[in-house]
C-alpha atoms as a PDB file:
ATOM      1  CA  MET A   1      56.251  13.085  66.854  1.00  0.00           C
ATOM      2  CA  LYS A   2      57.436  12.744  63.322  1.00  0.00           C
ATOM      3  CA  LEU A   3      54.142  11.386  62.423  1.00  0.00           C
ATOM      4  CA  PHE A   4      52.236  14.177  64.228  1.00  0.00           C
ATOM      5  CA  ALA A   5      54.382  16.750  62.544  1.00  0.00           C
ATOM      6  CA  THR A   6      53.730  15.226  59.136  1.00  0.00           C
ATOM      7  CA  THR A   7      49.843  14.986  59.727  1.00  0.00           C
ATOM      8  CA  ALA A   8      50.051  18.551  60.733  1.00  0.00           C
ATOM      9  CA  LEU A   9      51.936  19.636  57.590  1.00  0.00           C
ATOM     10  CA  VAL A  10      49.509  17.618  55.164  1.00  0.00           C
ATOM     11  CA  THR A  11      46.530  19.470  57.355  1.00  0.00           C
ATOM     12  CA  LEU A  12      47.819  23.054  56.666  1.00  0.00           C
ATOM     13  CA  ALA A  13      48.635  22.342  53.120  1.00  0.00           C
ATOM     14  CA  LEU A  14      45.026  21.261  52.323  1.00  0.00           C
ATOM     15  CA  ALA A  15      43.651  24.178  54.443  1.00  0.00           C
ATOM     16  CA  ALA A  16      45.955  27.042  53.089  1.00  0.00           C
ATOM     17  CA  PRO A  17      44.047  27.377  49.603  1.00  0.00           C
ATOM     18  CA  ALA A  18      40.765  27.474  51.343  1.00  0.00           C
ATOM     19  CA  MET A  19      42.136  30.359  53.626  1.00  0.00           C
ATOM     20  CA  ALA A  20      43.791  32.151  51.089  1.00  0.00           C
ATOM     21  CA  GLN A  21      41.759  31.976  47.949  1.00  0.00           C
ATOM     22  CA  TRP A  22      38.447  33.745  47.486  1.00  0.00           C
ATOM     23  CA  ALA A  23      36.356  33.789  44.457  1.00  0.00           C
ATOM     24  CA  PRO A  24      32.840  34.605  43.545  1.00  0.00           C
ATOM     25  CA  THR A  25      30.023  32.035  44.091  1.00  0.00           C
ATOM     26  CA  LYS A  26      27.192  33.405  42.455  1.00  0.00           C
ATOM     27  CA  PRO A  27      26.876  36.171  39.407  1.00  0.00           C
ATOM     28  CA  VAL A  28      28.515  39.517  40.214  1.00  0.00           C
ATOM     29  CA  GLU A  29      26.369  42.668  39.653  1.00  0.00           C
ATOM     30  CA  PHE A  30      28.420  45.729  38.133  1.00  0.00           C
ATOM     31  CA  ILE A  31      26.358  48.990  39.013  1.00  0.00           C
ATOM     32  CA  ALA A  32      27.273  51.391  36.345  1.00  0.00           C
ATOM     33  CA  ALA A  33      26.777  54.968  37.607  1.00  0.00           C
ATOM     34  CA  GLY A  34      25.537  56.108  34.277  1.00  0.00           C
ATOM     35  CA  GLY A  35      22.626  55.574  31.813  1.00  0.00           C
ATOM     36  CA  ALA A  36      22.428  52.742  29.177  1.00  0.00           C
ATOM     37  CA  GLY A  37      24.944  53.808  26.239  1.00  0.00           C
ATOM     38  CA  GLY A  38      26.706  56.325  28.349  1.00  0.00           C
ATOM     39  CA  GLY A  39      30.331  56.319  28.814  1.00  0.00           C
ATOM     40  CA  THR A  40      29.938  54.559  32.283  1.00  0.00           C
ATOM     41  CA  ASP A  41      27.813  51.926  30.847  1.00  0.00           C
ATOM     42  CA  GLN A  42      30.131  51.200  27.937  1.00  0.00           C
ATOM     43  CA  PHE A  43      33.264  51.001  30.430  1.00  0.00           C
ATOM     44  CA  ALA A  44      31.167  48.202  32.497  1.00  0.00           C
ATOM     45  CA  ARG A  45      30.066  46.477  29.589  1.00  0.00           C
ATOM     46  CA  GLN A  46      33.538  46.042  28.155  1.00  0.00           C
ATOM     47  CA  ILE A  47      34.663  44.811  31.135  1.00  0.00           C
ATOM     48  CA  GLN A  48      31.987  42.285  31.267  1.00  0.00           C
ATOM     49  CA  ALA A  49      32.812  41.202  27.526  1.00  0.00           C
ATOM     50  CA  ALA A  50      36.505  40.747  28.494  1.00  0.00           C
ATOM     51  CA  ILE A  51      35.724  39.026  31.301  1.00  0.00           C
ATOM     52  CA  ALA A  52      33.499  36.376  29.456  1.00  0.00           C
ATOM     53  CA  LYS A  53      35.431  36.431  26.352  1.00  0.00           C
ATOM     54  CA  GLU A  54      38.793  35.440  28.374  1.00  0.00           C
ATOM     55  CA  ASN A  55      36.771  33.288  30.794  1.00  0.00           C
ATOM     56  CA  LEU A  56      38.580  35.230  33.812  1.00  0.00           C
ATOM     57  CA  ALA A  57      35.764  34.620  36.579  1.00  0.00           C
ATOM     58  CA  PRO A  58      34.078  31.443  37.662  1.00  0.00           C
ATOM     59  CA  THR A  59      30.509  33.349  37.610  1.00  0.00           C
ATOM     60  CA  ASN A  60      28.869  35.463  35.217  1.00  0.00           C
ATOM     61  CA  VAL A  61      28.891  39.398  35.665  1.00  0.00           C
ATOM     62  CA  VAL A  62      25.379  41.408  34.967  1.00  0.00           C
ATOM     63  CA  VAL A  63      25.345  45.078  34.421  1.00  0.00           C
ATOM     64  CA  SER A  64      22.530  47.103  36.194  1.00  0.00           C
ATOM     65  CA  ASN A  65      22.373  51.030  35.343  1.00  0.00           C
ATOM     66  CA  LYS A  66      21.797  53.489  38.104  1.00  0.00           C
ATOM     67  CA  GLY A  67      22.430  56.809  36.485  1.00  0.00           C
ATOM     68  CA  GLY A  68      20.152  58.957  38.482  1.00  0.00           C
ATOM     69  CA  GLY A  69      21.438  62.224  40.240  1.00  0.00           C
ATOM     70  CA  SER A  70      24.724  62.176  37.753  1.00  0.00           C
ATOM     71  CA  GLY A  71      25.438  58.722  39.166  1.00  0.00           C
ATOM     72  CA  ALA A  72      24.716  59.505  42.906  1.00  0.00           C
ATOM     73  CA  GLU A  73      21.948  56.742  42.510  1.00  0.00           C
ATOM     74  CA  ALA A  74      24.593  53.834  42.031  1.00  0.00           C
ATOM     75  CA  PHE A  75      26.875  55.150  44.813  1.00  0.00           C
ATOM     76  CA  ILE A  76      23.985  55.390  47.152  1.00  0.00           C
ATOM     77  CA  TYR A  77      22.988  51.868  46.290  1.00  0.00           C
ATOM     78  CA  GLY A  78      26.435  50.693  46.870  1.00  0.00           C
ATOM     79  CA  ALA A  79      26.855  52.438  50.234  1.00  0.00           C
ATOM     80  CA  GLY A  80      23.640  50.570  51.134  1.00  0.00           C
ATOM     81  CA  ALA A  81      25.163  47.124  50.246  1.00  0.00           C
ATOM     82  CA  GLY A  82      27.894  47.141  52.846  1.00  0.00           C
ATOM     83  CA  GLY A  83      29.729  43.804  52.997  1.00  0.00           C
ATOM     84  CA  ASP A  84      28.237  42.423  49.711  1.00  0.00           C
ATOM     85  CA  ASP A  85      31.254  40.818  48.025  1.00  0.00           C
ATOM     86  CA  HIS A  86      29.170  40.336  44.776  1.00  0.00           C
ATOM     87  CA  LYS A  87      28.848  43.916  43.827  1.00  0.00           C
ATOM     88  CA  LEU A  88      30.864  46.487  42.262  1.00  0.00           C
ATOM     89  CA  ILE A  89      30.121  50.260  41.584  1.00  0.00           C
ATOM     90  CA  LEU A  90      31.653  51.410  38.366  1.00  0.00           C
ATOM     91  CA  GLY A  91      31.751  55.337  37.709  1.00  0.00           C
ATOM     92  CA  THR A  92      34.191  58.139  37.619  1.00  0.00           C
ATOM     93  CA  SER A  93      35.525  60.899  39.858  1.00  0.00           C
ATOM     94  CA  ASN A  94      31.830  61.683  40.479  1.00  0.00           C
ATOM     95  CA  GLU A  95      32.104  59.089  43.287  1.00  0.00           C
ATOM     96  CA  TRP A  96      33.923  61.411  45.412  1.00  0.00           C
ATOM     97  CA  GLN A  97      33.323  64.756  43.747  1.00  0.00           C
ATOM     98  CA  LEU A  98      29.247  64.511  44.082  1.00  0.00           C
ATOM     99  CA  PRO A  99      29.232  64.594  48.037  1.00  0.00           C
ATOM    100  CA  LEU A 100      31.138  67.839  48.060  1.00  0.00           C
ATOM    101  CA  VAL A 101      28.588  69.853  45.668  1.00  0.00           C
ATOM    102  CA  THR A 102      25.331  67.917  46.839  1.00  0.00           C
ATOM    103  CA  ARG A 103      23.796  66.616  50.050  1.00  0.00           C
ATOM    104  CA  LEU A 104      23.507  62.728  49.354  1.00  0.00           C
ATOM    105  CA  GLY A 105      22.663  59.762  51.274  1.00  0.00           C
ATOM    106  CA  TYR A 106      26.288  58.473  51.194  1.00  0.00           C
ATOM    107  CA  LYS A 107      30.022  59.723  51.709  1.00  0.00           C
ATOM    108  CA  SER A 108      32.997  58.859  49.529  1.00  0.00           C
ATOM    109  CA  GLU A 109      34.456  56.967  52.426  1.00  0.00           C
ATOM    110  CA  ASP A 110      31.416  54.659  52.300  1.00  0.00           C
ATOM    111  CA  LEU A 111      32.851  52.843  49.329  1.00  0.00           C
ATOM    112  CA  THR A 112      35.983  50.858  49.032  1.00  0.00           C
ATOM    113  CA  PRO A 113      38.337  51.673  46.149  1.00  0.00           C
ATOM    114  CA  VAL A 114      39.488  48.947  43.973  1.00  0.00           C
ATOM    115  CA  ALA A 115      41.019  50.181  41.006  1.00  0.00           C
ATOM    116  CA  THR A 116      41.180  52.789  37.998  1.00  0.00           C
ATOM    117  CA  LEU A 117      41.757  51.095  34.674  1.00  0.00           C
ATOM    118  CA  ALA A 118      41.872  54.232  32.383  1.00  0.00           C
ATOM    119  CA  VAL A 119      41.568  57.996  31.959  1.00  0.00           C
ATOM    120  CA  ASP A 120      39.084  59.800  29.911  1.00  0.00           C
ATOM    121  CA  GLU A 121      40.922  62.863  27.989  1.00  0.00           C
ATOM    122  CA  PHE A 122      38.973  66.023  27.346  1.00  0.00           C
ATOM    123  CA  VAL A 123      38.824  67.966  24.268  1.00  0.00           C
ATOM    124  CA  VAL A 124      37.261  71.209  23.441  1.00  0.00           C
ATOM    125  CA  TRP A 125      35.114  71.241  20.480  1.00  0.00           C
ATOM    126  CA  ALA A 126      33.543  74.070  18.503  1.00  0.00           C
ATOM    127  CA  GLN A 127      30.844  74.127  15.866  1.00  0.00           C
ATOM    128  CA  ALA A 128      32.335  73.144  12.689  1.00  0.00           C
ATOM    129  CA  ASN A 129      31.543  76.402  10.708  1.00  0.00           C
ATOM    130  CA  SER A 130      32.266  78.780  13.722  1.00  0.00           C
ATOM    131  CA  PRO A 131      35.133  81.409  13.486  1.00  0.00           C
ATOM    132  CA  TYR A 132      36.745  79.267  16.607  1.00  0.00           C
ATOM    133  CA  ASN A 133      39.872  77.598  15.419  1.00  0.00           C
ATOM    134  CA  THR A 134      41.944  77.603  18.736  1.00  0.00           C
ATOM    135  CA  ILE A 135      41.023  77.881  22.383  1.00  0.00           C
ATOM    136  CA  THR A 136      42.532  81.258  22.297  1.00  0.00           C
ATOM    137  CA  ASP A 137      39.575  82.258  19.687  1.00  0.00           C
ATOM    138  CA  LEU A 138      36.836  80.935  22.066  1.00  0.00           C
ATOM    139  CA  VAL A 139      38.519  82.712  25.239  1.00  0.00           C
ATOM    140  CA  GLU A 140      38.851  86.012  23.331  1.00  0.00           C
ATOM    141  CA  ALA A 141      35.131  85.767  22.364  1.00  0.00           C
ATOM    142  CA  GLY A 142      34.263  84.831  26.090  1.00  0.00           C
ATOM    143  CA  LYS A 143      36.208  88.065  27.094  1.00  0.00           C
ATOM    144  CA  ALA A 144      34.596  90.476  24.451  1.00  0.00           C
ATOM    145  CA  ASN A 145      30.948  89.271  25.026  1.00  0.00           C
ATOM    146  CA  PRO A 146      30.691  87.769  28.535  1.00  0.00           C
ATOM    147  CA  GLY A 147      28.207  85.378  29.025  1.00  0.00           C
ATOM    148  CA  LYS A 148      27.218  85.302  25.352  1.00  0.00           C
ATOM    149  CA  VAL A 149      29.268  82.185  24.121  1.00  0.00           C
ATOM    150  CA  ARG A 150      27.351  78.904  24.670  1.00  0.00           C
ATOM    151  CA  PHE A 151      29.446  76.499  26.302  1.00  0.00           C
ATOM    152  CA  GLY A 152      27.568  72.865  26.535  1.00  0.00           C
ATOM    153  CA  GLY A 153      28.415  70.009  28.825  1.00  0.00           C
ATOM    154  CA  SER A 154      27.159  66.737  30.542  1.00  0.00           C
ATOM    155  CA  GLN A 155      25.305  67.757  34.102  1.00  0.00           C
ATOM    156  CA  SER A 156      25.466  70.636  36.171  1.00  0.00           C
ATOM    157  CA  LYS A 157      28.461  70.911  38.680  1.00  0.00           C
ATOM    158  CA  ASP A 158      30.032  67.938  37.303  1.00  0.00           C
ATOM    159  CA  VAL A 159      33.518  67.292  35.445  1.00  0.00           C
ATOM    160  CA  ASP A 160      32.543  69.501  32.101  1.00  0.00           C
ATOM    161  CA  GLN A 161      31.272  72.517  33.952  1.00  0.00           C
ATOM    162  CA  THR A 162      34.385  71.952  36.212  1.00  0.00           C
ATOM    163  CA  LEU A 163      36.530  72.219  33.316  1.00  0.00           C
ATOM    164  CA  VAL A 164      34.795  75.115  31.862  1.00  0.00           C
ATOM    165  CA  ARG A 165      34.971  77.126  35.307  1.00  0.00           C
ATOM    166  CA  ARG A 166      38.909  76.271  35.269  1.00  0.00           C
ATOM    167  CA  ILE A 167      39.304  77.801  31.831  1.00  0.00           C
ATOM    168  CA  GLU A 168      37.340  81.040  33.078  1.00  0.00           C
ATOM    169  CA  ALA A 169      39.365  81.436  35.954  1.00  0.00           C
ATOM    170  CA  ALA A 170      42.775  81.057  34.163  1.00  0.00           C
ATOM    171  CA  THR A 171      41.674  83.366  31.276  1.00  0.00           C
ATOM    172  CA  GLY A 172      39.034  85.760  32.609  1.00  0.00           C
ATOM    173  CA  ALA A 173      36.774  84.594  29.967  1.00  0.00           C
ATOM    174  CA  LYS A 174      32.877  84.321  31.075  1.00  0.00           C
ATOM    175  CA  PHE A 175      30.799  81.685  29.243  1.00  0.00           C
ATOM    176  CA  LEU A 176      27.106  80.746  29.312  1.00  0.00           C
ATOM    177  CA  TYR A 177      27.241  76.979  30.546  1.00  0.00           C
ATOM    178  CA  ILE A 178      24.232  74.918  29.365  1.00  0.00           C
ATOM    179  CA  PRO A 179      24.117  71.517  30.808  1.00  0.00           C
ATOM    180  CA  PHE A 180      22.641  68.484  29.015  1.00  0.00           C
ATOM    181  CA  LYS A 181      21.724  65.066  30.101  1.00  0.00           C
ATOM    182  CA  SER A 182      24.878  63.423  28.624  1.00  0.00           C
ATOM    183  CA  GLY A 183      27.993  64.318  26.634  1.00  0.00           C
ATOM    184  CA  SER A 184      26.221  62.545  23.607  1.00  0.00           C
ATOM    185  CA  GLU A 185      23.341  64.973  24.052  1.00  0.00           C
ATOM    186  CA  ALA A 186      25.922  67.930  24.161  1.00  0.00           C
ATOM    187  CA  ALA A 187      27.678  66.647  21.112  1.00  0.00           C
ATOM    188  CA  VAL A 188      24.084  66.619  19.323  1.00  0.00           C
ATOM    189  CA  GLN A 189      23.387  70.099  20.368  1.00  0.00           C
ATOM    190  CA  LEU A 190      26.676  71.484  19.139  1.00  0.00           C
ATOM    191  CA  ALA A 191      26.164  69.725  15.797  1.00  0.00           C
ATOM    192  CA  GLY A 192      23.323  71.491  15.377  1.00  0.00           C
ATOM    193  CA  ASN A 193      24.491  74.878  16.217  1.00  0.00           C
ATOM    194  CA  HIS A 194      22.316  75.187  19.455  1.00  0.00           C
ATOM    195  CA  ILE A 195      25.635  75.607  21.308  1.00  0.00           C
ATOM    196  CA  ASP A 196      28.913  77.165  20.314  1.00  0.00           C
ATOM    197  CA  ALA A 197      31.394  74.901  21.983  1.00  0.00           C
ATOM    198  CA  ASN A 198      31.478  71.908  24.400  1.00  0.00           C
ATOM    199  CA  THR A 199      33.890  70.031  26.357  1.00  0.00           C
ATOM    200  CA  ASN A 200      33.615  66.436  25.820  1.00  0.00           C
ATOM    201  CA  ASN A 201      35.723  62.915  26.001  1.00  0.00           C
ATOM    202  CA  PRO A 202      36.426  61.985  22.362  1.00  0.00           C
ATOM    203  CA  ALA A 203      34.159  58.838  22.063  1.00  0.00           C
ATOM    204  CA  GLU A 204      31.162  61.053  22.437  1.00  0.00           C
ATOM    205  CA  ASN A 205      32.072  63.519  19.989  1.00  0.00           C
ATOM    206  CA  VAL A 206      33.959  61.254  17.059  1.00  0.00           C
ATOM    207  CA  GLY A 207      30.678  60.871  15.122  1.00  0.00           C
ATOM    208  CA  GLN A 208      30.134  64.548  14.837  1.00  0.00           C
ATOM    209  CA  TRP A 209      33.913  65.538  13.939  1.00  0.00           C
ATOM    210  CA  ARG A 210      33.565  62.527  11.306  1.00  0.00           C
ATOM    211  CA  ALA A 211      30.632  63.962   9.869  1.00  0.00           C
ATOM    212  CA  GLY A 212      31.981  67.408   9.468  1.00  0.00           C
ATOM    213  CA  GLN A 213      29.735  68.739  12.106  1.00  0.00           C
ATOM    214  CA  ALA A 214      32.130  69.623  14.841  1.00  0.00           C
ATOM    215  CA  LYS A 215      35.873  70.366  15.166  1.00  0.00           C
ATOM    216  CA  PRO A 216      38.338  69.863  18.005  1.00  0.00           C
ATOM    217  CA  LEU A 217      40.210  72.736  19.254  1.00  0.00           C
ATOM    218  CA  CYS A 218      42.651  71.149  21.771  1.00  0.00           C
ATOM    219  CA  VAL A 219      42.875  68.485  24.093  1.00  0.00           C
ATOM    220  CA  MET A 220      43.334  69.402  27.863  1.00  0.00           C
ATOM    221  CA  SER A 221      46.333  67.203  28.415  1.00  0.00           C
ATOM    222  CA  ASN A 222      50.273  67.640  28.869  1.00  0.00           C
ATOM    223  CA  GLU A 223      51.140  65.696  25.760  1.00  0.00           C
ATOM    224  CA  ARG A 224      48.995  64.931  22.371  1.00  0.00           C
ATOM    225  CA  MET A 225      46.901  61.742  22.319  1.00  0.00           C
ATOM    226  CA  ALA A 226      48.861  59.032  20.844  1.00  0.00           C
ATOM    227  CA  ASP A 227      46.650  57.456  17.970  1.00  0.00           C
ATOM    228  CA  THR A 228      47.852  58.933  14.745  1.00  0.00           C
ATOM    229  CA  THR A 229      44.965  56.772  12.692  1.00  0.00           C
ATOM    230  CA  LYS A 230      43.079  59.143  10.685  1.00  0.00           C
ATOM    231  CA  VAL A 231      39.698  59.992  11.945  1.00  0.00           C
ATOM    232  CA  THR A 232      38.796  62.532   9.204  1.00  0.00           C
ATOM    233  CA  GLU A 233      40.580  62.912   5.767  1.00  0.00           C
ATOM    234  CA  THR A 234      43.104  65.082   7.468  1.00  0.00           C
ATOM    235  CA  MET A 235      43.553  64.665  10.856  1.00  0.00           C
ATOM    236  CA  SER A 236      43.797  62.035  13.570  1.00  0.00           C
ATOM    237  CA  TRP A 237      43.766  62.343  17.381  1.00  0.00           C
ATOM    238  CA  ASN A 238      47.343  62.974  17.635  1.00  0.00           C
ATOM    239  CA  ASP A 239      46.814  65.998  15.377  1.00  0.00           C
ATOM    240  CA  ILE A 240      44.831  67.663  17.870  1.00  0.00           C
ATOM    241  CA  PRO A 241      47.145  70.181  19.677  1.00  0.00           C
ATOM    242  CA  THR A 242      47.187  70.551  23.455  1.00  0.00           C
ATOM    243  CA  CYS A 243      45.568  73.431  24.966  1.00  0.00           C
ATOM    244  CA  ARG A 244      48.827  74.422  26.425  1.00  0.00           C
ATOM    245  CA  GLU A 245      50.164  74.280  22.900  1.00  0.00           C
ATOM    246  CA  GLN A 246      47.757  77.061  22.200  1.00  0.00           C
ATOM    247  CA  GLY A 247      48.595  79.203  25.144  1.00  0.00           C
ATOM    248  CA  LEU A 248      45.981  78.140  27.866  1.00  0.00           C
ATOM    249  CA  ALA A 249      48.015  77.437  30.921  1.00  0.00           C
ATOM    250  CA  LEU A 250      46.076  74.652  32.500  1.00  0.00           C
ATOM    251  CA  ASP A 251      47.360  71.498  34.103  1.00  0.00           C
ATOM    252  CA  ALA A 252      46.357  68.284  32.451  1.00  0.00           C
ATOM    253  CA  TYR A 253      42.178  67.525  32.965  1.00  0.00           C
ATOM    254  CA  GLN A 254      41.398  63.945  32.626  1.00  0.00           C
ATOM    255  CA  MET A 255      38.455  61.882  34.188  1.00  0.00           C
ATOM    256  CA  PRO A 256      39.466  58.459  35.587  1.00  0.00           C
ATOM    257  CA  ARG A 257      37.156  55.336  35.058  1.00  0.00           C
ATOM    258  CA  THR A 258      36.958  53.783  38.409  1.00  0.00           C
ATOM    259  CA  VAL A 259      35.707  50.962  40.288  1.00  0.00           C
ATOM    260  CA  PHE A 260      34.651  50.547  43.810  1.00  0.00           C
ATOM    261  CA  ALA A 261      33.319  47.823  46.189  1.00  0.00           C
ATOM    262  CA  PRO A 262      30.869  48.517  49.282  1.00  0.00           C
ATOM    263  CA  ALA A 263      32.395  49.026  52.769  1.00  0.00           C
ATOM    264  CA  ASP A 264      33.201  45.967  54.859  1.00  0.00           C
ATOM    265  CA  VAL A 265      33.833  43.784  51.994  1.00  0.00           C
ATOM    266  CA  PRO A 266      36.751  41.013  52.892  1.00  0.00           C
ATOM    267  CA  ALA A 267      40.322  42.092  51.887  1.00  0.00           C
ATOM    268  CA  GLU A 268      40.398  38.840  49.955  1.00  0.00           C
ATOM    269  CA  ALA A 269      37.397  39.906  47.614  1.00  0.00           C
ATOM    270  CA  VAL A 270      39.013  43.255  47.007  1.00  0.00           C
ATOM    271  CA  ALA A 271      42.284  41.483  46.261  1.00  0.00           C
ATOM    272  CA  TRP A 272      40.592  39.181  43.953  1.00  0.00           C
ATOM    273  CA  TYR A 273      38.649  41.868  42.118  1.00  0.00           C
ATOM    274  CA  THR A 274      41.950  43.882  41.743  1.00  0.00           C
ATOM    275  CA  ASP A 275      43.655  40.922  40.273  1.00  0.00           C
ATOM    276  CA  LEU A 276      40.710  40.202  37.992  1.00  0.00           C
ATOM    277  CA  LEU A 277      40.629  44.049  36.874  1.00  0.00           C
ATOM    278  CA  LYS A 278      44.431  43.801  36.026  1.00  0.00           C
ATOM    279  CA  LYS A 279      43.997  40.961  33.872  1.00  0.00           C
ATOM    280  CA  VAL A 280      40.914  42.569  32.091  1.00  0.00           C
ATOM    281  CA  SER A 281      43.243  45.755  31.447  1.00  0.00           C
ATOM    282  CA  ALA A 282      45.672  43.668  29.500  1.00  0.00           C
ATOM    283  CA  THR A 283      43.049  41.584  27.438  1.00  0.00           C
ATOM    284  CA  PRO A 284      42.953  42.362  23.534  1.00  0.00           C
ATOM    285  CA  GLU A 285      39.136  43.251  24.018  1.00  0.00           C
ATOM    286  CA  PHE A 286      39.773  46.050  26.615  1.00  0.00           C
ATOM    287  CA  GLN A 287      42.874  47.428  24.603  1.00  0.00           C
ATOM    288  CA  ALA A 288      40.654  47.556  21.675  1.00  0.00           C
ATOM    289  CA  TYR A 289      37.991  49.507  23.803  1.00  0.00           C
ATOM    290  CA  LEU A 290      40.978  52.023  24.934  1.00  0.00           C
ATOM    291  CA  LYS A 291      41.943  52.635  21.217  1.00  0.00           C
ATOM    292  CA  ASN A 292      38.220  52.907  20.032  1.00  0.00           C
ATOM    293  CA  THR A 293      37.257  55.466  22.627  1.00  0.00           C
ATOM    294  CA  SER A 294      40.592  57.165  22.686  1.00  0.00           C
ATOM    295  CA  GLN A 295      41.364  56.772  26.480  1.00  0.00           C
ATOM    296  CA  THR A 296      44.448  56.581  28.092  1.00  0.00           C
ATOM    297  CA  ALA A 297      45.528  53.355  29.811  1.00  0.00           C
ATOM    298  CA  ARG A 298      46.079  54.022  33.625  1.00  0.00           C
ATOM    299  CA  PHE A 299      45.764  51.185  36.077  1.00  0.00           C
ATOM    300  CA  MET A 300      45.896  52.523  39.724  1.00  0.00           C
ATOM    301  CA  THR A 301      45.162  50.447  42.931  1.00  0.00           C
ATOM    302  CA  GLY A 302      45.711  50.326  46.551  1.00  0.00           C
ATOM    303  CA  ASP A 303      47.692  53.252  48.030  1.00  0.00           C
ATOM    304  CA  GLU A 304      48.201  54.785  44.609  1.00  0.00           C
ATOM    305  CA  PHE A 305      44.706  55.068  43.871  1.00  0.00           C
ATOM    306  CA  LYS A 306      43.644  56.395  47.433  1.00  0.00           C
ATOM    307  CA  SER A 307      46.504  59.110  46.891  1.00  0.00           C
ATOM    308  CA  TYR A 308      44.985  60.041  43.677  1.00  0.00           C
ATOM    309  CA  ILE A 309      41.470  60.483  45.246  1.00  0.00           C
ATOM    310  CA  ALA A 310      42.818  62.358  48.269  1.00  0.00           C
ATOM    311  CA  ALA A 311      44.710  64.997  46.130  1.00  0.00           C
ATOM    312  CA  ASP A 312      41.646  65.340  43.720  1.00  0.00           C
ATOM    313  CA  VAL A 313      39.220  65.776  46.655  1.00  0.00           C
ATOM    314  CA  GLU A 314      41.503  68.602  47.967  1.00  0.00           C
ATOM    315  CA  ARG A 315      41.830  70.397  44.471  1.00  0.00           C
ATOM    316  CA  SER A 316      38.154  70.044  43.997  1.00  0.00           C
ATOM    317  CA  ARG A 317      37.370  71.109  47.469  1.00  0.00           C
ATOM    318  CA  LYS A 318      39.353  74.494  46.700  1.00  0.00           C
ATOM    319  CA  GLN A 319      37.514  75.243  43.483  1.00  0.00           C
ATOM    320  CA  PHE A 320      34.065  74.232  44.451  1.00  0.00           C
ATOM    321  CA  GLU A 321      34.454  76.609  47.378  1.00  0.00           C
ATOM    322  CA  ALA A 322      35.554  79.194  45.228  1.00  0.00           C
ATOM    323  CA  ASP A 323      32.833  78.733  42.872  1.00  0.00           C
ATOM    324  CA  GLY A 324      30.025  78.772  45.607  1.00  0.00           C
ATOM    325  CA  TRP A 325      29.222  75.006  44.870  1.00  0.00           C
ATOM    326  CA  LEU A 326      30.791  73.577  48.407  1.00  0.00           C
ATOM    327  CA  VAL A 327      28.235  72.144  50.791  1.00  0.00           C
ATOM    328  CA  ASN A 328      29.317  71.680  54.303  1.00  0.00           C
END
């Protein structure tokens, strides 16, 4: 009896690691819901680089770009890969917002939330030589000349236009929104004085700011950005006031950098990827990426991440319905 018990314990001990541990056995595909060089592509490749540099995974990571339809291409691809535990889809809040405004071949629920690693801040920018020095100046111009002030952004019915609509709803101003293929293109158009203002994350406008072709009016956050390193001779990110400081009574507006898995992926695989991304978020490489792009670190997973999605879906649904964008 004692021998049997001992043998059973040994058998369980040997079997436990096999049952408890999961790890990829072939290269993992990171599907970036954005074009090459864009914010989501950079996010995916920075994670890839951190994994390789710190030797955090037993297999390689390859990045593929599927940015069509504001990223819908990547999510449709991921939704069609149910059960594939060697694929991750990297995007933003567009994963759950796109199905609210466009009829697509997937629903948000078709993918498995894994983690958010950071949030992008949104800065309102103006052409460097424009008369607009605060968000109040821009709003007053949008009231005095409805539909005449040209406000650029990335895509239609996406995060940039959503923020512009929130500013209009809160102030009564009316802007002419002009969509471009990317935030980088909107930044170039602003520098060339083809638009009057744009809303963009810091990384996609910083080059024009350094070159004296654009100026930041305010950041759509509850607190100023933390980085005090000078970007220009006179200003750091921390020197940019919040929009609320300038009298715009709007809640913080940030865009999460998200990771999803296909549906029906084993829980053990999701847990392994969650742990991997947690390790990535602490690496020097990823911390440097956050600093260089002026993003804010925020790691969410599990119920916290799911609750964040649910709250944003409810908030977005109300706004999209009021704007006439909501699809049934």
